[in-house]
Amino acid sequence: MGSFSTLRVVIAVTLAPALAVIGFASGWLLSPKQAGLMALFATPAIAFLAWSGLGGAWDRHGPPGGLDRRRWSRTSRAFHWLMALCILGTTTLFYWMSNLDFASDEAASRQTFREWLVVHKSLGLIVLFLVAFRGAWNLVVPRPPLPRTMSRRQRQVAHAVHFTIYGLMLLVPLFGWAASMTYGATTSFFGLFEMPALLSKDDELVAFFHPGHRYLAWTLLALVGLHIAAAIWHHRVARDATLWRMLPGP
């Protein structure tokens, strides 16, 4: 690894923790625990974006010679990256909200929590809407084939992980919406409109949907992490077009 590559990796890995420290010093992050959680959840996304922007993912204008050059459509790529940002963003936001300083100023912290909860729910609704739109889009626009270099077992695993991720992207916001309804609260989309209340307040259902929403979200994050690791492995080790065909660009 050359000196520039080493510098690129160092910058990518340290950028999110550095931003968390700056946020804590400026007063936006109210506790060291919040700063640590922000660094934990933001590091993978910011590191990938920094590494990519510094030339890590765009060091070639296409896949290695001889590989299939068919890419995902621009619309599919837009769906993919917008959904990824919403998933990582709403998760990071919620864990920041959960660690507000309720002990020293409970009233102010609860008000801040309620205000940001609207954003958390709205980002989840974007994911829910985009899953429906993307599913319909995939039925109309052909998906590019998996690289020919992938084995049959790798293809089976890839299809299983993708199918599970799609299912969880549907279930996580639905469980969150259901938890909100059965808690007796409303679900607003950035204050523009409210989702209909299809379920009535029910403490027993809250005890099912609320933890279900959290556990399904953790499972989704784990699979997203696996998905990111696999994409980078294909790009840097297998040297195929798996990551290249989903990157922004022409």
C-alpha atoms as a PDB file:
ATOM      1  CA  MET A   1       0.000   0.000   0.000  1.00  0.00           C
ATOM      2  CA  GLY A   2       1.455   3.341  -1.061  1.00  0.00           C
ATOM      3  CA  SER A   3       1.733   6.388   1.136  1.00  0.00           C
ATOM      4  CA  PHE A   4      -1.331   8.015  -0.475  1.00  0.00           C
ATOM      5  CA  SER A   5      -3.411   4.868   0.047  1.00  0.00           C
ATOM      6  CA  THR A   6      -2.335   4.706   3.680  1.00  0.00           C
ATOM      7  CA  LEU A   7      -3.239   8.368   4.197  1.00  0.00           C
ATOM      8  CA  ARG A   8      -6.608   7.784   2.520  1.00  0.00           C
ATOM      9  CA  VAL A   9      -7.452   4.937   4.901  1.00  0.00           C
ATOM     10  CA  VAL A  10      -6.357   6.917   7.975  1.00  0.00           C
ATOM     11  CA  ILE A  11      -8.476   9.922   6.972  1.00  0.00           C
ATOM     12  CA  ALA A  12     -11.499   7.741   6.207  1.00  0.00           C
ATOM     13  CA  VAL A  13     -11.395   5.859   9.515  1.00  0.00           C
ATOM     14  CA  THR A  14     -10.765   8.889  11.730  1.00  0.00           C
ATOM     15  CA  LEU A  15     -13.132  11.383  10.115  1.00  0.00           C
ATOM     16  CA  ALA A  16     -16.341  10.327  11.914  1.00  0.00           C
ATOM     17  CA  PRO A  17     -14.788  10.168  15.421  1.00  0.00           C
ATOM     18  CA  ALA A  18     -13.166  13.558  14.788  1.00  0.00           C
ATOM     19  CA  LEU A  19     -16.543  15.040  13.813  1.00  0.00           C
ATOM     20  CA  ALA A  20     -18.086  13.521  16.958  1.00  0.00           C
ATOM     21  CA  VAL A  21     -15.412  15.168  19.127  1.00  0.00           C
ATOM     22  CA  ILE A  22     -16.043  18.510  17.397  1.00  0.00           C
ATOM     23  CA  GLY A  23     -19.777  18.069  17.954  1.00  0.00           C
ATOM     24  CA  PHE A  24     -19.243  17.380  21.659  1.00  0.00           C
ATOM     25  CA  ALA A  25     -16.877  20.345  22.044  1.00  0.00           C
ATOM     26  CA  SER A  26     -19.360  22.673  20.315  1.00  0.00           C
ATOM     27  CA  GLY A  27     -22.232  21.547  22.534  1.00  0.00           C
ATOM     28  CA  TRP A  28     -24.325  19.868  19.839  1.00  0.00           C
ATOM     29  CA  LEU A  29     -23.613  16.438  21.332  1.00  0.00           C
ATOM     30  CA  LEU A  30     -24.536  16.732  24.978  1.00  0.00           C
ATOM     31  CA  SER A  31     -22.550  13.895  26.507  1.00  0.00           C
ATOM     32  CA  PRO A  32     -19.473  11.719  25.844  1.00  0.00           C
ATOM     33  CA  LYS A  33     -21.819   8.753  25.413  1.00  0.00           C
ATOM     34  CA  GLN A  34     -23.680  10.548  22.625  1.00  0.00           C
ATOM     35  CA  ALA A  35     -20.380  11.368  20.925  1.00  0.00           C
ATOM     36  CA  GLY A  36     -19.305   7.727  21.183  1.00  0.00           C
ATOM     37  CA  LEU A  37     -22.577   6.455  19.722  1.00  0.00           C
ATOM     38  CA  MET A  38     -22.460   8.976  16.893  1.00  0.00           C
ATOM     39  CA  ALA A  39     -18.911   7.911  16.073  1.00  0.00           C
ATOM     40  CA  LEU A  40     -19.902   4.236  16.219  1.00  0.00           C
ATOM     41  CA  PHE A  41     -22.851   4.482  13.868  1.00  0.00           C
ATOM     42  CA  ALA A  42     -21.529   7.185  11.549  1.00  0.00           C
ATOM     43  CA  THR A  43     -18.026   5.763  11.029  1.00  0.00           C
ATOM     44  CA  PRO A  44     -18.953   3.079   8.422  1.00  0.00           C
ATOM     45  CA  ALA A  45     -20.930   5.496   6.237  1.00  0.00           C
ATOM     46  CA  ILE A  46     -18.546   8.454   6.503  1.00  0.00           C
ATOM     47  CA  ALA A  47     -15.489   6.231   6.110  1.00  0.00           C
ATOM     48  CA  PHE A  48     -16.858   4.732   2.906  1.00  0.00           C
ATOM     49  CA  LEU A  49     -17.796   8.141   1.494  1.00  0.00           C
ATOM     50  CA  ALA A  50     -14.410   9.623   2.430  1.00  0.00           C
ATOM     51  CA  TRP A  51     -12.512   6.641   1.024  1.00  0.00           C
ATOM     52  CA  SER A  52     -14.583   6.813  -2.165  1.00  0.00           C
ATOM     53  CA  GLY A  53     -14.205  10.562  -2.566  1.00  0.00           C
ATOM     54  CA  LEU A  54     -10.453  10.296  -2.125  1.00  0.00           C
ATOM     55  CA  GLY A  55     -10.194   7.783  -4.951  1.00  0.00           C
ATOM     56  CA  GLY A  56     -10.712   4.420  -3.242  1.00  0.00           C
ATOM     57  CA  ALA A  57     -13.803   3.288  -5.130  1.00  0.00           C
ATOM     58  CA  TRP A  58     -13.395   5.443  -8.223  1.00  0.00           C
ATOM     59  CA  ASP A  59      -9.786   4.461  -8.939  1.00  0.00           C
ATOM     60  CA  ARG A  60     -11.018   2.824 -12.144  1.00  0.00           C
ATOM     61  CA  HIS A  61     -13.452   4.167 -14.728  1.00  0.00           C
ATOM     62  CA  GLY A  62     -15.017   0.732 -14.994  1.00  0.00           C
ATOM     63  CA  PRO A  63     -14.568  -2.911 -14.067  1.00  0.00           C
ATOM     64  CA  PRO A  64     -11.451  -4.886 -15.023  1.00  0.00           C
ATOM     65  CA  GLY A  65     -11.219  -5.719 -18.720  1.00  0.00           C
ATOM     66  CA  GLY A  66     -13.456  -8.475 -19.993  1.00  0.00           C
ATOM     67  CA  LEU A  67     -16.100  -8.244 -17.234  1.00  0.00           C
ATOM     68  CA  ASP A  68     -19.751  -7.426 -17.825  1.00  0.00           C
ATOM     69  CA  ARG A  69     -20.086  -3.625 -17.971  1.00  0.00           C
ATOM     70  CA  ARG A  70     -23.882  -3.495 -17.476  1.00  0.00           C
ATOM     71  CA  ARG A  71     -24.761  -1.264 -14.534  1.00  0.00           C
ATOM     72  CA  TRP A  72     -27.875  -0.727 -12.475  1.00  0.00           C
ATOM     73  CA  SER A  73     -30.097   1.969 -13.945  1.00  0.00           C
ATOM     74  CA  ARG A  74     -29.626   5.504 -12.624  1.00  0.00           C
ATOM     75  CA  THR A  75     -33.038   5.326 -10.949  1.00  0.00           C
ATOM     76  CA  SER A  76     -32.142   2.062  -9.196  1.00  0.00           C
ATOM     77  CA  ARG A  77     -28.853   3.530  -8.005  1.00  0.00           C
ATOM     78  CA  ALA A  78     -30.663   6.621  -6.698  1.00  0.00           C
ATOM     79  CA  PHE A  79     -33.115   4.371  -4.804  1.00  0.00           C
ATOM     80  CA  HIS A  80     -30.219   2.358  -3.347  1.00  0.00           C
ATOM     81  CA  TRP A  81     -28.160   5.262  -2.001  1.00  0.00           C
ATOM     82  CA  LEU A  82     -31.122   7.286  -0.729  1.00  0.00           C
ATOM     83  CA  MET A  83     -32.436   4.258   1.178  1.00  0.00           C
ATOM     84  CA  ALA A  84     -28.971   3.561   2.590  1.00  0.00           C
ATOM     85  CA  LEU A  85     -28.594   7.145   3.833  1.00  0.00           C
ATOM     86  CA  CYS A  86     -32.081   7.105   5.392  1.00  0.00           C
ATOM     87  CA  ILE A  87     -31.447   3.791   7.187  1.00  0.00           C
ATOM     88  CA  LEU A  88     -28.091   4.859   8.611  1.00  0.00           C
ATOM     89  CA  GLY A  89     -29.349   8.379   9.316  1.00  0.00           C
ATOM     90  CA  THR A  90     -32.503   7.411  11.195  1.00  0.00           C
ATOM     91  CA  THR A  91     -30.613   4.821  13.263  1.00  0.00           C
ATOM     92  CA  THR A  92     -27.855   7.251  14.215  1.00  0.00           C
ATOM     93  CA  LEU A  93     -30.432   9.922  15.020  1.00  0.00           C
ATOM     94  CA  PHE A  94     -32.457   7.648  17.290  1.00  0.00           C
ATOM     95  CA  TYR A  95     -29.456   6.582  19.373  1.00  0.00           C
ATOM     96  CA  TRP A  96     -28.448  10.215  19.719  1.00  0.00           C
ATOM     97  CA  MET A  97     -31.991  11.016  20.878  1.00  0.00           C
ATOM     98  CA  SER A  98     -32.012   8.113  23.323  1.00  0.00           C
ATOM     99  CA  ASN A  99     -28.973   9.526  25.115  1.00  0.00           C
ATOM    100  CA  LEU A 100     -30.170  13.047  25.709  1.00  0.00           C
ATOM    101  CA  ASP A 101     -29.410  14.346  29.188  1.00  0.00           C
ATOM    102  CA  PHE A 102     -32.807  13.667  30.777  1.00  0.00           C
ATOM    103  CA  ALA A 103     -31.370  13.715  34.306  1.00  0.00           C
ATOM    104  CA  SER A 104     -30.260  17.356  34.410  1.00  0.00           C
ATOM    105  CA  ASP A 105     -33.038  18.917  32.288  1.00  0.00           C
ATOM    106  CA  GLU A 106     -35.870  16.457  31.743  1.00  0.00           C
ATOM    107  CA  ALA A 107     -38.404  18.902  30.272  1.00  0.00           C
ATOM    108  CA  ALA A 108     -36.024  20.299  27.636  1.00  0.00           C
ATOM    109  CA  SER A 109     -34.694  16.847  26.757  1.00  0.00           C
ATOM    110  CA  ARG A 110     -38.187  15.430  26.318  1.00  0.00           C
ATOM    111  CA  GLN A 111     -39.129  18.349  24.063  1.00  0.00           C
ATOM    112  CA  THR A 112     -35.983  17.796  21.964  1.00  0.00           C
ATOM    113  CA  PHE A 113     -36.742  14.068  21.831  1.00  0.00           C
ATOM    114  CA  ARG A 114     -40.304  14.681  20.579  1.00  0.00           C
ATOM    115  CA  GLU A 115     -39.136  17.109  17.889  1.00  0.00           C
ATOM    116  CA  TRP A 116     -36.459  14.753  16.532  1.00  0.00           C
ATOM    117  CA  LEU A 117     -38.765  11.746  16.808  1.00  0.00           C
ATOM    118  CA  VAL A 118     -40.788  13.271  13.949  1.00  0.00           C
ATOM    119  CA  VAL A 119     -37.626  13.249  11.805  1.00  0.00           C
ATOM    120  CA  HIS A 120     -36.806   9.671  12.860  1.00  0.00           C
ATOM    121  CA  LYS A 121     -40.275   8.472  11.893  1.00  0.00           C
ATOM    122  CA  SER A 122     -40.225  10.459   8.648  1.00  0.00           C
ATOM    123  CA  LEU A 123     -36.927   8.925   7.524  1.00  0.00           C
ATOM    124  CA  GLY A 124     -38.373   5.497   8.285  1.00  0.00           C
ATOM    125  CA  LEU A 125     -41.427   6.310   6.164  1.00  0.00           C
ATOM    126  CA  ILE A 126     -39.151   7.320   3.273  1.00  0.00           C
ATOM    127  CA  VAL A 127     -37.586   3.857   3.457  1.00  0.00           C
ATOM    128  CA  LEU A 128     -41.055   2.267   3.526  1.00  0.00           C
ATOM    129  CA  PHE A 129     -42.235   4.274   0.505  1.00  0.00           C
ATOM    130  CA  LEU A 130     -39.031   3.628  -1.441  1.00  0.00           C
ATOM    131  CA  VAL A 131     -39.200  -0.139  -0.820  1.00  0.00           C
ATOM    132  CA  ALA A 132     -42.607  -0.161  -2.529  1.00  0.00           C
ATOM    133  CA  PHE A 133     -41.444   2.060  -5.398  1.00  0.00           C
ATOM    134  CA  ARG A 134     -38.204   0.151  -5.862  1.00  0.00           C
ATOM    135  CA  GLY A 135     -39.976  -3.200  -5.845  1.00  0.00           C
ATOM    136  CA  ALA A 136     -42.279  -1.991  -8.622  1.00  0.00           C
ATOM    137  CA  TRP A 137     -39.328  -0.483 -10.517  1.00  0.00           C
ATOM    138  CA  ASN A 138     -37.398  -3.764 -10.381  1.00  0.00           C
ATOM    139  CA  LEU A 139     -40.342  -5.532 -11.997  1.00  0.00           C
ATOM    140  CA  VAL A 140     -40.198  -3.121 -14.943  1.00  0.00           C
ATOM    141  CA  VAL A 141     -36.458  -2.541 -15.425  1.00  0.00           C
ATOM    142  CA  PRO A 142     -34.256  -5.649 -15.804  1.00  0.00           C
ATOM    143  CA  ARG A 143     -31.675  -6.189 -13.079  1.00  0.00           C
ATOM    144  CA  PRO A 144     -28.086  -6.537 -14.295  1.00  0.00           C
ATOM    145  CA  PRO A 145     -26.802 -10.102 -13.922  1.00  0.00           C
ATOM    146  CA  LEU A 146     -24.426 -11.034 -11.127  1.00  0.00           C
ATOM    147  CA  PRO A 147     -20.754 -11.238 -12.184  1.00  0.00           C
ATOM    148  CA  ARG A 148     -19.913 -14.458 -13.982  1.00  0.00           C
ATOM    149  CA  THR A 149     -17.010 -14.961 -11.585  1.00  0.00           C
ATOM    150  CA  MET A 150     -19.401 -15.658  -8.678  1.00  0.00           C
ATOM    151  CA  SER A 151     -19.944 -19.301  -7.755  1.00  0.00           C
ATOM    152  CA  ARG A 152     -23.383 -20.887  -7.453  1.00  0.00           C
ATOM    153  CA  ARG A 153     -23.159 -20.805  -3.642  1.00  0.00           C
ATOM    154  CA  GLN A 154     -22.155 -17.116  -3.677  1.00  0.00           C
ATOM    155  CA  ARG A 155     -25.125 -16.333  -5.892  1.00  0.00           C
ATOM    156  CA  GLN A 156     -27.479 -18.173  -3.534  1.00  0.00           C
ATOM    157  CA  VAL A 157     -26.107 -16.302  -0.516  1.00  0.00           C
ATOM    158  CA  ALA A 158     -26.309 -12.947  -2.337  1.00  0.00           C
ATOM    159  CA  HIS A 159     -29.942 -13.535  -3.323  1.00  0.00           C
ATOM    160  CA  ALA A 160     -30.850 -14.666   0.214  1.00  0.00           C
ATOM    161  CA  VAL A 161     -29.221 -11.625   1.845  1.00  0.00           C
ATOM    162  CA  HIS A 162     -30.833  -9.212  -0.627  1.00  0.00           C
ATOM    163  CA  PHE A 163     -34.260 -10.807  -0.144  1.00  0.00           C
ATOM    164  CA  THR A 164     -33.894 -10.603   3.661  1.00  0.00           C
ATOM    165  CA  ILE A 165     -32.739  -6.968   3.527  1.00  0.00           C
ATOM    166  CA  TYR A 166     -35.760  -6.049   1.398  1.00  0.00           C
ATOM    167  CA  GLY A 167     -38.067  -7.828   3.846  1.00  0.00           C
ATOM    168  CA  LEU A 168     -36.532  -6.041   6.827  1.00  0.00           C
ATOM    169  CA  MET A 169     -36.676  -2.646   5.099  1.00  0.00           C
ATOM    170  CA  LEU A 170     -40.405  -3.281   4.862  1.00  0.00           C
ATOM    171  CA  LEU A 171     -40.926  -4.741   8.349  1.00  0.00           C
ATOM    172  CA  VAL A 172     -38.835  -2.288  10.408  1.00  0.00           C
ATOM    173  CA  PRO A 173     -40.827   0.862   9.486  1.00  0.00           C
ATOM    174  CA  LEU A 174     -44.119  -1.067   9.612  1.00  0.00           C
ATOM    175  CA  PHE A 175     -43.327  -2.245  13.153  1.00  0.00           C
ATOM    176  CA  GLY A 176     -42.332   1.319  14.085  1.00  0.00           C
ATOM    177  CA  TRP A 177     -45.587   2.696  12.686  1.00  0.00           C
ATOM    178  CA  ALA A 178     -47.553  -0.005  14.531  1.00  0.00           C
ATOM    179  CA  ALA A 179     -45.687   0.710  17.776  1.00  0.00           C
ATOM    180  CA  SER A 180     -46.555   4.397  17.447  1.00  0.00           C
ATOM    181  CA  MET A 181     -50.244   3.638  16.830  1.00  0.00           C
ATOM    182  CA  THR A 182     -50.608   1.159  19.692  1.00  0.00           C
ATOM    183  CA  TYR A 183     -48.781   3.574  22.007  1.00  0.00           C
ATOM    184  CA  GLY A 184     -51.463   6.143  21.195  1.00  0.00           C
ATOM    185  CA  ALA A 185     -49.183   8.515  19.272  1.00  0.00           C
ATOM    186  CA  THR A 186     -49.345   9.786  15.718  1.00  0.00           C
ATOM    187  CA  THR A 187     -46.888   9.282  12.861  1.00  0.00           C
ATOM    188  CA  SER A 188     -46.259  12.478  10.920  1.00  0.00           C
ATOM    189  CA  PHE A 189     -44.247  12.802   7.715  1.00  0.00           C
ATOM    190  CA  PHE A 190     -42.140  15.923   8.390  1.00  0.00           C
ATOM    191  CA  GLY A 191     -45.314  17.638   9.580  1.00  0.00           C
ATOM    192  CA  LEU A 192     -46.799  17.554   6.064  1.00  0.00           C
ATOM    193  CA  PHE A 193     -49.385  14.841   6.735  1.00  0.00           C
ATOM    194  CA  GLU A 194     -50.140  12.117   9.240  1.00  0.00           C
ATOM    195  CA  MET A 195     -50.298   8.408   8.548  1.00  0.00           C
ATOM    196  CA  PRO A 196     -53.716   6.869   9.289  1.00  0.00           C
ATOM    197  CA  ALA A 197     -54.254   5.232  12.680  1.00  0.00           C
ATOM    198  CA  LEU A 198     -55.168   1.671  11.704  1.00  0.00           C
ATOM    199  CA  LEU A 199     -54.643   0.263  15.214  1.00  0.00           C
ATOM    200  CA  SER A 200     -56.004   1.501  18.522  1.00  0.00           C
ATOM    201  CA  LYS A 201     -54.025   2.090  21.684  1.00  0.00           C
ATOM    202  CA  ASP A 202     -53.082  -1.257  23.206  1.00  0.00           C
ATOM    203  CA  ASP A 203     -50.359  -1.796  25.840  1.00  0.00           C
ATOM    204  CA  GLU A 204     -50.013  -5.488  25.021  1.00  0.00           C
ATOM    205  CA  LEU A 205     -49.406  -4.765  21.335  1.00  0.00           C
ATOM    206  CA  VAL A 206     -46.918  -2.033  22.258  1.00  0.00           C
ATOM    207  CA  ALA A 207     -44.957  -4.678  24.175  1.00  0.00           C
ATOM    208  CA  PHE A 208     -44.779  -6.677  20.934  1.00  0.00           C
ATOM    209  CA  PHE A 209     -44.220  -4.023  18.292  1.00  0.00           C
ATOM    210  CA  HIS A 210     -41.776  -1.746  20.147  1.00  0.00           C
ATOM    211  CA  PRO A 211     -39.083  -4.339  20.938  1.00  0.00           C
ATOM    212  CA  GLY A 212     -39.823  -6.031  17.618  1.00  0.00           C
ATOM    213  CA  HIS A 213     -39.041  -2.777  15.825  1.00  0.00           C
ATOM    214  CA  ARG A 214     -35.738  -2.489  17.692  1.00  0.00           C
ATOM    215  CA  TYR A 215     -34.608  -6.101  17.205  1.00  0.00           C
ATOM    216  CA  LEU A 216     -35.521  -6.109  13.515  1.00  0.00           C
ATOM    217  CA  ALA A 217     -33.603  -2.840  13.083  1.00  0.00           C
ATOM    218  CA  TRP A 218     -30.487  -4.389  14.670  1.00  0.00           C
ATOM    219  CA  THR A 219     -30.810  -7.366  12.337  1.00  0.00           C
ATOM    220  CA  LEU A 220     -31.142  -5.048   9.343  1.00  0.00           C
ATOM    221  CA  LEU A 221     -28.042  -3.099  10.388  1.00  0.00           C
ATOM    222  CA  ALA A 222     -26.059  -6.319  10.756  1.00  0.00           C
ATOM    223  CA  LEU A 223     -27.034  -7.419   7.250  1.00  0.00           C
ATOM    224  CA  VAL A 224     -26.279  -3.966   5.841  1.00  0.00           C
ATOM    225  CA  GLY A 225     -22.817  -4.239   7.390  1.00  0.00           C
ATOM    226  CA  LEU A 226     -22.381  -7.655   5.789  1.00  0.00           C
ATOM    227  CA  HIS A 227     -23.599  -6.219   2.482  1.00  0.00           C
ATOM    228  CA  ILE A 228     -21.035  -3.378   2.638  1.00  0.00           C
ATOM    229  CA  ALA A 229     -18.210  -5.752   3.563  1.00  0.00           C
ATOM    230  CA  ALA A 230     -19.125  -8.081   0.689  1.00  0.00           C
ATOM    231  CA  ALA A 231     -19.240  -5.200  -1.811  1.00  0.00           C
ATOM    232  CA  ILE A 232     -15.781  -3.983  -0.774  1.00  0.00           C
ATOM    233  CA  TRP A 233     -14.435  -7.556  -0.887  1.00  0.00           C
ATOM    234  CA  HIS A 234     -15.730  -7.974  -4.439  1.00  0.00           C
ATOM    235  CA  HIS A 235     -14.164  -4.668  -5.441  1.00  0.00           C
ATOM    236  CA  ARG A 236     -10.755  -4.991  -3.779  1.00  0.00           C
ATOM    237  CA  VAL A 237     -10.181  -8.776  -3.623  1.00  0.00           C
ATOM    238  CA  ALA A 238     -12.319 -10.488  -6.265  1.00  0.00           C
ATOM    239  CA  ARG A 239     -11.789  -7.467  -8.558  1.00  0.00           C
ATOM    240  CA  ASP A 240     -15.191  -7.798 -10.213  1.00  0.00           C
ATOM    241  CA  ALA A 241     -17.893  -5.270 -11.103  1.00  0.00           C
ATOM    242  CA  THR A 242     -20.244  -5.831  -8.145  1.00  0.00           C
ATOM    243  CA  LEU A 243     -19.571  -2.478  -6.446  1.00  0.00           C
ATOM    244  CA  TRP A 244     -18.748  -0.561  -9.621  1.00  0.00           C
ATOM    245  CA  ARG A 245     -22.147  -1.167 -11.216  1.00  0.00           C
ATOM    246  CA  MET A 246     -23.969   0.409  -8.229  1.00  0.00           C
ATOM    247  CA  LEU A 247     -21.718   3.462  -7.800  1.00  0.00           C
ATOM    248  CA  PRO A 248     -23.031   6.917  -8.787  1.00  0.00           C
ATOM    249  CA  GLY A 249     -21.961   8.100 -12.203  1.00  0.00           C
ATOM    250  CA  PRO A 250     -22.892   7.810 -15.864  1.00  0.00           C
END
